[in-house]
Amino acid sequence: VRVCREKTTGQVYAMKKLKKAEMLRRGQVEHVRAERNLLAEVDSNYIVKLYCSFQDDDHLYLVMEYLPGGDMMTLLMRKDTLTEEEAK
């Protein structure tokens, strides 16, 4: 996931770049499709917003709301458990 900025507005986004060949090799095509569809349909303060998705010959790109501080999976791998305050 990379931080990117829209040139005309200056709006900051997080862009997830996924290799199509890697998704196929790992059997994750349906998983990624489900993730994209879920993010596109859900409107919640607790789930990152997906603004758009696009693809080229080699990659799928998901342009999402930028939330500083990293992702939940990395945090849980580092800390194992969260306090109630951290979870909020």
Protein backbone atom coordinates (compact mmCIF):
# COMPACT_ATOMS: atom_id res chain seq x y z
CA VAL A 1 0.00 0.00 0.00
CA ARG A 2 1.35 3.41 -1.00
CA VAL A 3 0.32 6.93 -0.10
CA CYS A 4 -0.59 8.94 -3.19
CA ARG A 5 -1.84 12.45 -3.88
CA GLU A 6 -4.33 13.56 -6.54
CA LYS A 7 -2.55 16.25 -8.57
CA THR A 8 -5.36 18.76 -9.06
CA THR A 9 -6.98 18.65 -5.60
CA GLY A 10 -4.06 17.58 -3.42
CA GLN A 11 -6.29 14.94 -1.80
CA VAL A 12 -4.27 12.13 -0.19
CA TYR A 13 -5.24 8.47 -0.72
CA ALA A 14 -3.87 5.02 0.03
CA MET A 15 -3.37 2.94 -3.11
CA LYS A 16 -3.11 -0.83 -2.86
CA LYS A 17 -1.29 -2.37 -5.84
CA LEU A 18 -1.87 -6.10 -6.36
CA LYS A 19 -0.03 -8.29 -8.87
CA LYS A 20 -2.54 -10.24 -10.95
CA ALA A 21 -0.13 -13.14 -11.52
CA GLU A 22 0.45 -13.45 -7.77
CA MET A 23 -3.30 -13.42 -7.05
CA LEU A 24 -3.77 -16.22 -9.59
CA ARG A 25 -0.84 -18.24 -8.24
CA ARG A 26 -2.16 -18.02 -4.68
CA GLY A 27 -5.79 -18.66 -5.64
CA GLN A 28 -6.84 -15.27 -4.25
CA VAL A 29 -8.81 -13.87 -7.19
CA GLU A 30 -12.21 -14.42 -5.56
CA HIS A 31 -10.93 -13.15 -2.20
CA VAL A 32 -9.67 -9.91 -3.76
CA ARG A 33 -12.86 -9.51 -5.79
CA ALA A 34 -14.93 -9.96 -2.62
CA GLU A 35 -12.76 -7.42 -0.75
CA ARG A 36 -13.18 -4.87 -3.54
CA ASN A 37 -16.94 -5.41 -3.74
CA LEU A 38 -17.37 -5.17 0.03
CA LEU A 39 -15.34 -1.97 0.29
CA ALA A 40 -17.28 -0.44 -2.62
CA GLU A 41 -20.68 -1.20 -1.06
CA VAL A 42 -20.14 -0.54 2.66
CA ASP A 43 -20.54 2.91 4.16
CA SER A 44 -19.18 2.72 7.72
CA ASN A 45 -16.90 4.79 9.91
CA TYR A 46 -15.19 1.52 10.89
CA ILE A 47 -14.28 0.28 7.40
CA VAL A 48 -11.92 2.07 5.04
CA LYS A 49 -13.64 3.75 2.08
CA LEU A 50 -12.85 2.59 -1.46
CA TYR A 51 -12.94 5.50 -3.90
CA CYS A 52 -12.15 3.61 -7.10
CA SER A 53 -10.41 0.59 -8.54
CA PHE A 54 -8.71 0.11 -11.89
CA GLN A 55 -6.31 -2.26 -13.57
CA ASP A 56 -3.61 -2.55 -16.17
CA ASP A 57 -2.20 -5.68 -17.79
CA ASP A 58 -0.22 -6.69 -14.69
CA HIS A 59 -1.83 -5.08 -11.64
CA LEU A 60 -5.10 -4.29 -9.91
CA TYR A 61 -5.21 -0.97 -8.02
CA LEU A 62 -7.53 -0.08 -5.14
CA VAL A 63 -7.65 3.64 -4.28
CA MET A 64 -8.82 3.99 -0.69
CA GLU A 65 -9.21 6.48 2.11
CA TYR A 66 -5.84 7.28 3.68
CA LEU A 67 -5.79 6.48 7.39
CA PRO A 68 -2.41 7.21 9.01
CA GLY A 69 -1.03 4.73 11.48
CA GLY A 70 -0.83 1.55 9.42
CA ASP A 71 -3.15 -1.40 9.07
CA MET A 72 -4.79 -3.50 11.76
CA MET A 73 -3.10 -6.76 10.74
CA THR A 74 0.39 -5.31 11.17
CA LEU A 75 -0.57 -3.81 14.52
CA LEU A 76 -1.96 -7.13 15.77
CA MET A 77 1.11 -9.02 14.57
CA ARG A 78 3.29 -6.60 16.54
CA LYS A 79 1.21 -6.38 19.72
CA ASP A 80 -0.75 -9.67 19.71
CA THR A 81 -3.57 -8.11 21.77
CA LEU A 82 -4.85 -4.56 22.16
CA THR A 83 -6.01 -2.74 25.24
CA GLU A 84 -9.56 -1.40 25.21
CA GLU A 85 -8.23 2.12 24.59
CA GLU A 86 -6.08 0.96 21.66
CA ALA A 87 -9.03 -0.88 20.14
CA LYS A 88 -11.10 2.31 20.20
